[in-house]
Amino acid sequence: MPNTEQIRFQTDVCYIESQGILKTPESTLKLNLSEQYILSYLIDNYGNPVTKDELLKVGWPDRIVTEASLFQVIRALRVKLNEKKKGDVIETLPRVGYQIREFTRETINFQEEANLSPFKKIGKKTAIVSAIGLAAVGAGIGWMKYVPSHTPTNYIIEKDRIGSNDITIVTANADDLADLRSKVKELIKGQTKKYGKLVTQNERVYLLKTDEFYSAAWCAVDANDQCIKNTDFSYKIATDEWDKFANIVINNQKVYHETPVIQTEYAREPTAVVYTSYIDKSGIRSKVMHYFMTPTDNKGVFDYSLMSFIKDPDSGNFRALAISASKAYVENRESQFLQTIKIEPEMFHWAYQPSPDYDEKESLALKHTCHFECQSSDKRSYYNYVVYKQLNLLLMLNEFTGFFWNSTSQGDPSISYSDYFSGLVPDEKNKTDK
């Protein structure tokens, strides 16, 4: 292959204009067309301010859009260019527009790169993951650490019973499995030391580890081993923040449902609601997602959309984060879990506005939402897995965001999210983990 040029920014992210991609030594990310047009135009006009009107014409040459679309692209580019602070690469010029900061032009040879061994190209850890047949491979920049896979991920699943608690550990490799086993032992030891016994009782617990975060979901169960209403909840924990989560568990202070204050005039009663807490350094502590799922004329195919909201730390109100729409397909295939749901994105829109209260680069809530933006931009499918089900309640696993419970809306009893899967999902007791 011939030599080609790449632009290296001061964040060490490289832009290969001929391919429309951003690269680091660890990853590659494809930009959508508007992002390519705007970034290339800023580079071509280095040293000169570029107005918003110019960028609106460049980014969307075939249609008329508002400044909100431009702000969304600039925000996305800042993230994908790995800006540690606003303006590291794209400088905002008040009342004028934008300007690109210094960069260097380099020549690269794709033939030499293609001749590198897989271990040199993707790194030892990723190579090991690939060698054991796992589908999730890191391929993003900054927040975008994953690219949606085209086939379901193959997990290692281990179940155990500790006291009256059922523990399920899900990981992508043996190292992560060993790590979570060790952490469960530490939690048990910590509670026993503090209280003289294990005080966590009669819970169904699920744990996941990825390269970027831990995911924990649980519910309290009744005498029939069914989740008790409003005890289902989940945490997403940054990998360097596990100790904070451990303290919550050891001290038996886990958070369950809260009553979110959400103000919107544009949404009907959701089919299902998801409540999630976050432990990271961002300041965003919780998120609520409203799911809307409507059967189509085709059996096993649904219109699938969601609205997400994050909690404001001062007012306690939840403000809009993003809106997306997709098609969901119930796949009739052999699965490690009760069912595999293939999601094909159709539309994504950011509603989030930057806030000085948040450290956006540290936020798992925003990182996870960025995954959905990438999937929608590239029209690439991803998978949700049904891990557990009972009437009006499903535990789902998303390969990029972890565990989440879908609680059926009580406001519309004629719609039961989990009932959509009745007859399609085998009984959990008859499933065999692989």
Protein backbone atom coordinates (compact mmCIF):
# COMPACT_ATOMS: atom_id res chain seq x y z
CA MET A 1 0.00 0.00 0.00
CA PRO A 2 1.32 3.52 -0.71
CA ASN A 3 2.41 6.00 1.91
CA THR A 4 -0.24 8.33 3.24
CA GLU A 5 -0.40 11.34 5.54
CA GLN A 6 -1.67 11.54 9.08
CA ILE A 7 -2.19 14.55 11.31
CA ARG A 8 -0.85 14.17 14.85
CA PHE A 9 -2.45 16.39 17.49
CA GLN A 10 -0.87 17.34 20.81
CA THR A 11 -3.07 14.72 22.52
CA ASP A 12 -1.17 12.03 20.51
CA VAL A 13 -4.31 11.15 18.58
CA CYS A 14 -3.69 10.87 14.83
CA TYR A 15 -6.18 11.69 12.07
CA ILE A 16 -5.84 9.83 8.74
CA GLU A 17 -7.99 11.98 6.50
CA SER A 18 -7.91 9.60 3.52
CA GLN A 19 -9.63 6.96 5.64
CA GLY A 20 -11.64 9.19 7.97
CA ILE A 21 -10.22 7.55 11.08
CA LEU A 22 -8.60 8.57 14.35
CA LYS A 23 -5.83 6.36 15.72
CA THR A 24 -3.78 5.81 18.84
CA PRO A 25 -1.27 2.97 19.38
CA GLU A 26 -4.05 0.98 21.04
CA SER A 27 -7.12 1.75 18.98
CA THR A 28 -8.84 2.98 15.83
CA LEU A 29 -12.09 4.93 15.54
CA LYS A 30 -14.06 5.75 12.41
CA LEU A 31 -15.54 9.26 12.27
CA ASN A 32 -18.94 9.87 10.75
CA LEU A 33 -19.11 12.08 7.65
CA SER A 34 -20.02 15.35 9.41
CA GLU A 35 -17.14 14.84 11.86
CA GLN A 36 -14.74 14.17 8.97
CA TYR A 37 -15.90 17.22 6.99
CA ILE A 38 -15.60 19.57 9.97
CA LEU A 39 -12.27 18.29 11.28
CA SER A 40 -10.71 18.38 7.79
CA TYR A 41 -11.99 21.92 7.19
CA LEU A 42 -10.53 23.14 10.49
CA ILE A 43 -7.18 21.56 9.58
CA ASP A 44 -7.22 23.07 6.07
CA ASN A 45 -7.84 26.49 7.64
CA TYR A 46 -5.17 26.19 10.34
CA GLY A 47 -4.28 29.63 11.71
CA ASN A 48 -7.59 31.16 10.61
CA PRO A 49 -10.81 31.39 12.61
CA VAL A 50 -13.70 29.42 11.10
CA THR A 51 -17.24 30.65 11.65
CA LYS A 52 -20.15 28.50 12.76
CA ASP A 53 -21.97 29.28 9.50
CA GLU A 54 -19.03 27.94 7.50
CA LEU A 55 -18.95 24.72 9.50
CA LEU A 56 -22.72 24.23 9.18
CA LYS A 57 -22.38 24.38 5.39
CA VAL A 58 -19.31 22.13 5.39
CA GLY A 59 -20.63 19.54 7.82
CA TRP A 60 -24.05 19.16 6.20
CA PRO A 61 -23.67 20.15 2.54
CA ASP A 62 -26.96 18.58 1.48
CA ARG A 63 -29.28 19.86 4.18
CA ILE A 64 -30.00 22.66 6.64
CA VAL A 65 -29.38 21.98 10.33
CA THR A 66 -29.29 24.11 13.48
CA GLU A 67 -26.29 25.11 15.56
CA ALA A 68 -27.24 22.35 18.01
CA SER A 69 -26.03 19.79 15.44
CA LEU A 70 -22.71 21.60 15.14
CA PHE A 71 -22.28 21.77 18.92
CA GLN A 72 -22.96 18.04 19.10
CA VAL A 73 -20.25 17.27 16.50
CA ILE A 74 -17.71 19.59 18.16
CA ARG A 75 -18.43 17.95 21.51
CA ALA A 76 -18.03 14.48 20.02
CA LEU A 77 -14.76 15.46 18.33
CA ARG A 78 -13.35 16.83 21.59
CA VAL A 79 -14.02 13.48 23.22
CA LYS A 80 -12.67 11.39 20.34
CA LEU A 81 -9.56 13.60 20.10
CA ASN A 82 -8.99 12.87 23.79
CA GLU A 83 -8.97 16.49 24.93
CA LYS A 84 -8.11 16.51 28.62
CA LYS A 85 -9.40 20.04 28.88
CA LYS A 86 -11.62 21.96 26.51
CA GLY A 87 -9.60 23.58 23.74
CA ASP A 88 -6.59 21.25 23.70
CA VAL A 89 -7.23 20.56 20.01
CA ILE A 90 -10.29 22.60 18.97
CA GLU A 91 -10.24 26.11 20.35
CA THR A 92 -13.54 27.98 20.82
CA LEU A 93 -13.41 31.62 19.72
CA PRO A 94 -16.25 33.49 21.48
CA ARG A 95 -18.71 35.15 19.09
CA VAL A 96 -16.62 33.92 16.14
CA GLY A 97 -16.41 30.16 15.83
CA TYR A 98 -13.57 27.65 16.15
CA GLN A 99 -9.90 27.21 15.33
CA ILE A 100 -7.64 24.15 15.27
CA ARG A 101 -4.54 24.20 17.47
CA GLU A 102 -1.03 23.17 16.44
CA PHE A 103 -0.45 19.77 14.86
CA THR A 104 2.23 17.95 12.90
CA ARG A 105 2.00 16.20 9.54
CA GLU A 106 3.51 12.73 9.31
CA THR A 107 3.92 10.14 6.57
CA ILE A 108 2.99 6.56 7.37
CA ASN A 109 3.41 3.32 5.45
CA PHE A 110 0.41 1.02 5.73
CA GLN A 111 2.34 -1.87 4.22
CA GLU A 112 4.80 -1.88 7.13
CA GLU A 113 1.94 -1.65 9.58
CA ALA A 114 0.13 -4.53 7.89
CA ASN A 115 3.25 -6.71 8.25
CA LEU A 116 3.33 -6.34 12.03
CA SER A 117 2.38 -9.45 13.96
CA PRO A 118 -1.06 -9.43 15.59
CA PHE A 119 0.60 -9.23 19.01
CA LYS A 120 2.47 -6.05 18.04
CA LYS A 121 -0.57 -4.46 16.43
CA ILE A 122 -3.20 -5.04 19.11
CA GLY A 123 -1.20 -5.71 22.23
CA LYS A 124 -0.68 -8.78 24.38
CA LYS A 125 -3.89 -8.55 26.39
CA THR A 126 -6.14 -8.12 23.36
CA ALA A 127 -4.32 -10.91 21.54
CA ILE A 128 -4.96 -13.29 24.42
CA VAL A 129 -8.62 -12.33 24.43
CA SER A 130 -8.85 -12.95 20.69
CA ALA A 131 -7.05 -16.26 20.99
CA ILE A 132 -9.70 -17.65 23.30
CA GLY A 133 -12.46 -16.62 20.93
CA LEU A 134 -13.87 -13.55 22.65
CA ALA A 135 -15.58 -10.97 20.48
CA ALA A 136 -15.21 -7.71 22.44
CA VAL A 137 -12.00 -5.95 21.36
CA GLY A 138 -11.05 -2.43 22.46
CA ALA A 139 -11.13 -0.10 19.47
CA GLY A 140 -11.87 3.48 20.47
CA ILE A 141 -10.26 6.64 21.76
CA GLY A 142 -10.82 8.24 25.14
CA TRP A 143 -14.41 7.40 26.02
CA MET A 144 -14.87 5.16 22.97
CA LYS A 145 -13.06 2.05 24.18
CA TYR A 146 -15.26 -0.48 22.39
CA VAL A 147 -16.56 -1.00 18.88
CA PRO A 148 -19.82 -2.95 18.67
CA SER A 149 -19.27 -6.57 17.71
CA HIS A 150 -21.19 -8.30 14.95
CA THR A 151 -21.49 -11.57 16.84
CA PRO A 152 -22.56 -12.22 20.44
CA THR A 153 -19.78 -12.14 23.02
CA ASN A 154 -18.70 -15.44 24.54
CA TYR A 155 -18.42 -15.12 28.35
CA ILE A 156 -17.08 -17.21 31.18
CA ILE A 157 -19.92 -17.73 33.66
CA GLU A 158 -19.49 -19.05 37.19
CA LYS A 159 -22.22 -19.55 39.80
CA ASP A 160 -21.84 -20.05 43.54
CA ARG A 161 -24.01 -20.04 46.64
CA ILE A 162 -22.64 -18.22 49.67
CA GLY A 163 -24.87 -18.50 52.72
CA SER A 164 -28.35 -17.70 51.44
CA ASN A 165 -27.04 -15.66 48.49
CA ASP A 166 -26.75 -16.81 44.87
CA ILE A 167 -23.70 -15.26 43.19
CA THR A 168 -23.18 -15.21 39.41
CA ILE A 169 -19.86 -13.96 38.01
CA VAL A 170 -19.59 -13.10 34.31
CA THR A 171 -16.24 -12.21 32.71
CA ALA A 172 -14.53 -12.28 29.33
CA ASN A 173 -11.34 -14.00 30.52
CA ALA A 174 -9.86 -16.11 33.31
CA ASP A 175 -7.87 -13.24 34.86
CA ASP A 176 -11.00 -11.17 35.41
CA LEU A 177 -12.77 -14.21 36.83
CA ALA A 178 -9.98 -14.72 39.37
CA ASP A 179 -10.10 -11.01 40.25
CA LEU A 180 -13.83 -11.09 40.97
CA ARG A 181 -13.56 -14.32 42.96
CA SER A 182 -10.96 -12.62 45.14
CA LYS A 183 -13.09 -9.51 45.57
CA VAL A 184 -16.14 -11.55 46.62
CA LYS A 185 -14.02 -13.25 49.29
CA GLU A 186 -12.83 -9.85 50.51
CA LEU A 187 -16.43 -8.59 50.77
CA ILE A 188 -17.48 -11.64 52.77
CA LYS A 189 -14.44 -11.35 55.04
CA GLY A 190 -15.06 -7.61 55.55
CA GLN A 191 -18.71 -8.04 56.54
CA THR A 192 -17.97 -10.99 58.81
CA LYS A 193 -15.20 -9.09 60.56
CA LYS A 194 -17.41 -6.01 61.08
CA TYR A 195 -20.63 -7.72 62.20
CA GLY A 196 -19.48 -11.13 63.29
CA LYS A 197 -21.52 -12.72 60.50
CA LEU A 198 -22.54 -12.27 56.88
CA VAL A 199 -25.39 -9.73 57.01
CA THR A 200 -26.11 -9.78 53.29
CA GLN A 201 -28.82 -12.43 53.12
CA ASN A 202 -31.28 -13.80 50.56
CA GLU A 203 -29.94 -11.88 47.58
CA ARG A 204 -29.46 -12.74 43.93
CA VAL A 205 -26.16 -11.09 42.97
CA TYR A 206 -24.50 -10.63 39.55
CA LEU A 207 -20.97 -9.31 38.99
CA LEU A 208 -19.14 -8.37 35.77
CA LYS A 209 -15.66 -7.03 35.09
CA THR A 210 -14.46 -5.36 31.87
CA ASP A 211 -11.31 -3.39 31.09
CA GLU A 212 -13.05 -0.13 32.06
CA PHE A 213 -15.48 -0.89 34.84
CA TYR A 214 -17.13 -3.31 37.22
CA SER A 215 -20.87 -3.92 37.06
CA ALA A 216 -22.90 -5.21 40.01
CA ALA A 217 -26.61 -6.01 40.06
CA TRP A 218 -28.72 -7.65 42.72
CA CYS A 219 -32.17 -8.07 44.18
CA ALA A 220 -33.53 -9.39 47.47
CA VAL A 221 -35.48 -12.61 46.98
CA ASP A 222 -38.57 -13.98 48.72
CA ALA A 223 -39.34 -17.54 49.87
CA ASN A 224 -40.07 -18.50 46.24
CA ASP A 225 -36.68 -17.20 45.09
CA GLN A 226 -38.35 -14.32 43.22
CA CYS A 227 -37.00 -10.76 43.28
CA ILE A 228 -38.92 -8.57 45.72
CA LYS A 229 -40.43 -5.45 44.18
CA ASN A 230 -38.19 -2.36 44.20
CA THR A 231 -35.13 -4.20 45.53
CA ASP A 232 -33.53 -4.58 42.09
CA PHE A 233 -30.67 -2.20 41.46
CA SER A 234 -27.25 -1.97 39.82
CA TYR A 235 -23.94 -0.16 40.19
CA LYS A 236 -21.33 0.71 37.62
CA ILE A 237 -17.92 1.13 39.25
CA ALA A 238 -14.75 2.58 37.72
CA THR A 239 -11.91 0.06 37.95
CA ASP A 240 -9.94 2.27 40.35
CA GLU A 241 -12.98 2.94 42.56
CA TRP A 242 -13.79 -0.60 43.69
CA ASP A 243 -12.82 0.15 47.31
CA LYS A 244 -15.65 2.69 47.57
CA PHE A 245 -18.14 0.09 46.40
CA ALA A 246 -16.63 -2.50 48.76
CA ASN A 247 -17.18 -0.14 51.70
CA ILE A 248 -20.83 0.27 50.72
CA VAL A 249 -21.33 -3.49 50.60
CA ILE A 250 -19.37 -4.25 53.76
CA ASN A 251 -21.33 -1.61 55.66
CA ASN A 252 -24.60 -2.89 54.19
CA GLN A 253 -25.46 0.53 52.74
CA LYS A 254 -26.46 -0.46 49.19
CA VAL A 255 -28.78 1.90 47.34
CA TYR A 256 -32.09 0.71 45.94
CA HIS A 257 -34.78 2.55 44.04
CA GLU A 258 -35.22 6.25 44.48
CA THR A 259 -38.07 8.36 43.19
CA PRO A 260 -36.65 10.36 40.27
CA VAL A 261 -37.94 13.84 39.59
CA ILE A 262 -38.07 14.00 35.79
CA GLN A 263 -39.72 16.85 33.95
CA THR A 264 -40.65 16.18 30.33
CA GLU A 265 -43.79 16.84 28.35
CA TYR A 266 -42.85 14.72 25.38
CA ALA A 267 -42.81 11.15 26.63
CA ARG A 268 -45.62 8.72 27.26
CA GLU A 269 -45.42 6.23 30.12
CA PRO A 270 -42.34 4.08 29.49
CA THR A 271 -42.54 0.35 28.95
CA ALA A 272 -39.73 -0.19 31.44
CA VAL A 273 -37.51 1.86 33.73
CA VAL A 274 -33.83 1.27 34.59
CA TYR A 275 -32.15 2.72 37.68
CA THR A 276 -28.35 2.76 37.93
CA SER A 277 -25.84 4.21 40.40
CA TYR A 278 -22.28 5.15 39.39
CA ILE A 279 -19.10 5.19 41.43
CA ASP A 280 -16.42 7.22 39.66
CA LYS A 281 -14.76 10.62 39.94
CA SER A 282 -17.19 12.47 37.66
CA GLY A 283 -19.83 13.80 40.07
CA ILE A 284 -22.59 11.99 38.15
CA ARG A 285 -23.91 9.53 40.70
CA SER A 286 -27.04 8.08 39.13
CA LYS A 287 -28.93 7.66 35.89
CA VAL A 288 -32.48 6.71 35.00
CA MET A 289 -33.42 5.27 31.60
CA HIS A 290 -36.95 5.09 30.20
CA TYR A 291 -37.39 2.27 27.68
CA PHE A 292 -40.15 2.15 25.09
CA MET A 293 -40.68 -1.19 23.40
CA THR A 294 -43.49 -1.78 20.92
CA PRO A 295 -44.09 -4.97 18.91
CA THR A 296 -44.08 -4.60 15.13
CA ASP A 297 -46.01 -6.68 12.62
CA ASN A 298 -43.11 -9.16 12.56
CA LYS A 299 -42.94 -11.66 15.41
CA GLY A 300 -39.91 -11.11 17.60
CA VAL A 301 -39.17 -7.64 16.16
CA PHE A 302 -39.75 -4.48 18.21
CA ASP A 303 -39.44 -0.73 17.94
CA TYR A 304 -36.94 -0.11 20.73
CA SER A 305 -36.08 3.33 22.02
CA LEU A 306 -34.90 4.96 25.22
CA MET A 307 -34.55 8.30 26.96
CA SER A 308 -31.82 8.66 29.58
CA PHE A 309 -31.50 11.17 32.41
CA ILE A 310 -28.69 11.98 34.87
CA LYS A 311 -29.13 13.37 38.35
CA ASP A 312 -28.19 16.98 39.03
CA PRO A 313 -26.10 17.02 42.23
CA ASP A 314 -27.54 20.33 43.47
CA SER A 315 -31.28 20.18 42.72
CA GLY A 316 -31.67 16.40 42.84
CA ASN A 317 -33.71 16.59 39.62
CA PHE A 318 -32.87 14.39 36.65
CA ARG A 319 -32.06 16.20 33.42
CA ALA A 320 -32.08 14.78 29.91
CA LEU A 321 -28.95 13.02 28.68
CA ALA A 322 -29.82 11.42 25.32
CA ILE A 323 -32.55 9.92 23.16
CA SER A 324 -32.12 6.97 20.82
CA ALA A 325 -34.26 4.73 18.64
CA SER A 326 -33.53 1.22 17.37
CA LYS A 327 -35.01 -2.04 16.18
CA ALA A 328 -34.75 -5.05 18.52
CA TYR A 329 -34.75 -8.61 17.24
CA VAL A 330 -35.26 -11.66 19.43
CA GLU A 331 -32.69 -14.09 18.06
CA ASN A 332 -33.69 -17.74 18.03
CA ARG A 333 -30.21 -19.07 18.59
CA GLU A 334 -28.46 -21.19 21.20
CA SER A 335 -27.19 -18.80 23.85
CA GLN A 336 -25.26 -18.77 27.11
CA PHE A 337 -28.15 -16.79 28.54
CA LEU A 338 -31.92 -17.03 28.43
CA GLN A 339 -32.16 -15.03 25.23
CA THR A 340 -30.09 -12.92 22.87
CA ILE A 341 -31.54 -9.61 21.67
CA LYS A 342 -29.91 -7.99 18.65
CA ILE A 343 -30.20 -4.19 18.57
CA GLU A 344 -29.93 -2.30 15.29
CA PRO A 345 -29.58 1.48 15.94
CA GLU A 346 -31.55 3.95 13.85
CA MET A 347 -31.21 7.34 15.56
CA PHE A 348 -29.27 8.99 18.39
CA HIS A 349 -29.52 12.53 19.76
CA TRP A 350 -27.58 14.15 22.60
CA ALA A 351 -29.62 16.32 24.97
CA TYR A 352 -26.76 16.70 27.46
CA GLN A 353 -25.24 20.12 28.05
CA PRO A 354 -21.75 20.42 29.61
CA SER A 355 -21.69 21.39 33.28
CA PRO A 356 -18.87 22.61 35.56
CA ASP A 357 -20.29 20.25 38.19
CA TYR A 358 -19.10 17.19 36.25
CA ASP A 359 -15.72 15.81 35.26
CA GLU A 360 -16.93 14.46 31.93
CA LYS A 361 -13.79 12.48 31.16
CA GLU A 362 -14.28 10.41 34.32
CA SER A 363 -17.97 9.69 33.82
CA LEU A 364 -19.02 6.10 33.12
CA ALA A 365 -22.57 7.35 32.47
CA LEU A 366 -21.34 9.54 29.60
CA LYS A 367 -18.89 6.93 28.32
CA HIS A 368 -21.65 4.36 28.11
CA THR A 369 -23.94 6.79 26.31
CA CYS A 370 -21.13 7.55 23.86
CA HIS A 371 -21.09 3.87 22.91
CA PHE A 372 -24.68 4.18 21.75
CA GLU A 373 -23.81 7.31 19.78
CA CYS A 374 -21.00 5.45 17.99
CA GLN A 375 -23.24 2.50 17.27
CA SER A 376 -25.93 4.76 15.86
CA SER A 377 -23.48 6.80 13.77
CA ASP A 378 -21.98 3.68 12.22
CA LYS A 379 -25.31 1.81 11.99
CA ARG A 380 -23.65 -1.13 13.72
CA SER A 381 -25.59 -3.66 15.71
CA TYR A 382 -24.92 -4.74 19.28
CA TYR A 383 -26.39 -7.29 21.68
CA ASN A 384 -28.35 -7.38 24.92
CA TYR A 385 -28.69 -10.66 26.78
CA VAL A 386 -31.57 -11.72 29.02
CA VAL A 387 -29.83 -13.06 32.13
CA TYR A 388 -32.82 -13.50 34.45
CA LYS A 389 -36.57 -13.02 34.12
CA GLN A 390 -39.73 -13.04 36.14
CA LEU A 391 -43.07 -11.35 35.63
CA ASN A 392 -42.54 -7.62 34.98
CA LEU A 393 -38.81 -7.82 35.60
CA LEU A 394 -35.81 -8.67 33.41
CA LEU A 395 -32.10 -8.57 34.17
CA MET A 396 -30.24 -7.64 30.99
CA LEU A 397 -26.54 -7.62 30.16
CA ASN A 398 -25.18 -5.20 27.59
CA GLU A 399 -21.70 -6.00 26.31
CA PHE A 400 -20.58 -2.37 26.71
CA THR A 401 -22.46 -1.08 29.77
CA GLY A 402 -22.91 -4.09 32.04
CA PHE A 403 -25.96 -5.33 33.93
CA PHE A 404 -29.25 -3.46 34.13
CA TRP A 405 -32.71 -4.36 35.41
CA ASN A 406 -35.78 -3.60 33.31
CA SER A 407 -38.70 -2.93 35.64
CA THR A 408 -42.05 -2.88 33.87
CA SER A 409 -43.96 0.37 34.19
CA GLN A 410 -46.80 0.13 36.66
CA GLY A 411 -48.48 3.06 34.96
CA ASP A 412 -49.54 0.94 32.00
CA PRO A 413 -50.36 -2.60 33.22
CA SER A 414 -51.44 -3.64 29.73
CA ILE A 415 -47.80 -3.47 28.64
CA SER A 416 -45.49 -5.99 30.23
CA TYR A 417 -41.93 -5.78 28.97
CA SER A 418 -40.97 -9.22 30.19
CA ASP A 419 -44.20 -10.75 28.84
CA TYR A 420 -42.95 -10.01 25.32
CA PHE A 421 -40.45 -12.79 25.87
CA SER A 422 -42.86 -15.37 27.28
CA GLY A 423 -42.89 -18.41 25.04
CA LEU A 424 -39.60 -17.25 23.52
CA VAL A 425 -37.42 -17.58 26.61
CA PRO A 426 -36.72 -20.99 28.13
CA ASP A 427 -37.03 -21.52 31.85
CA GLU A 428 -33.81 -20.52 33.60
CA LYS A 429 -33.66 -23.78 35.53
CA ASN A 430 -33.39 -25.73 32.30
CA LYS A 431 -30.44 -23.71 30.99
CA THR A 432 -26.88 -25.02 31.19
CA ASP A 433 -24.01 -22.53 31.37
CA LYS A 434 -21.33 -23.00 28.79
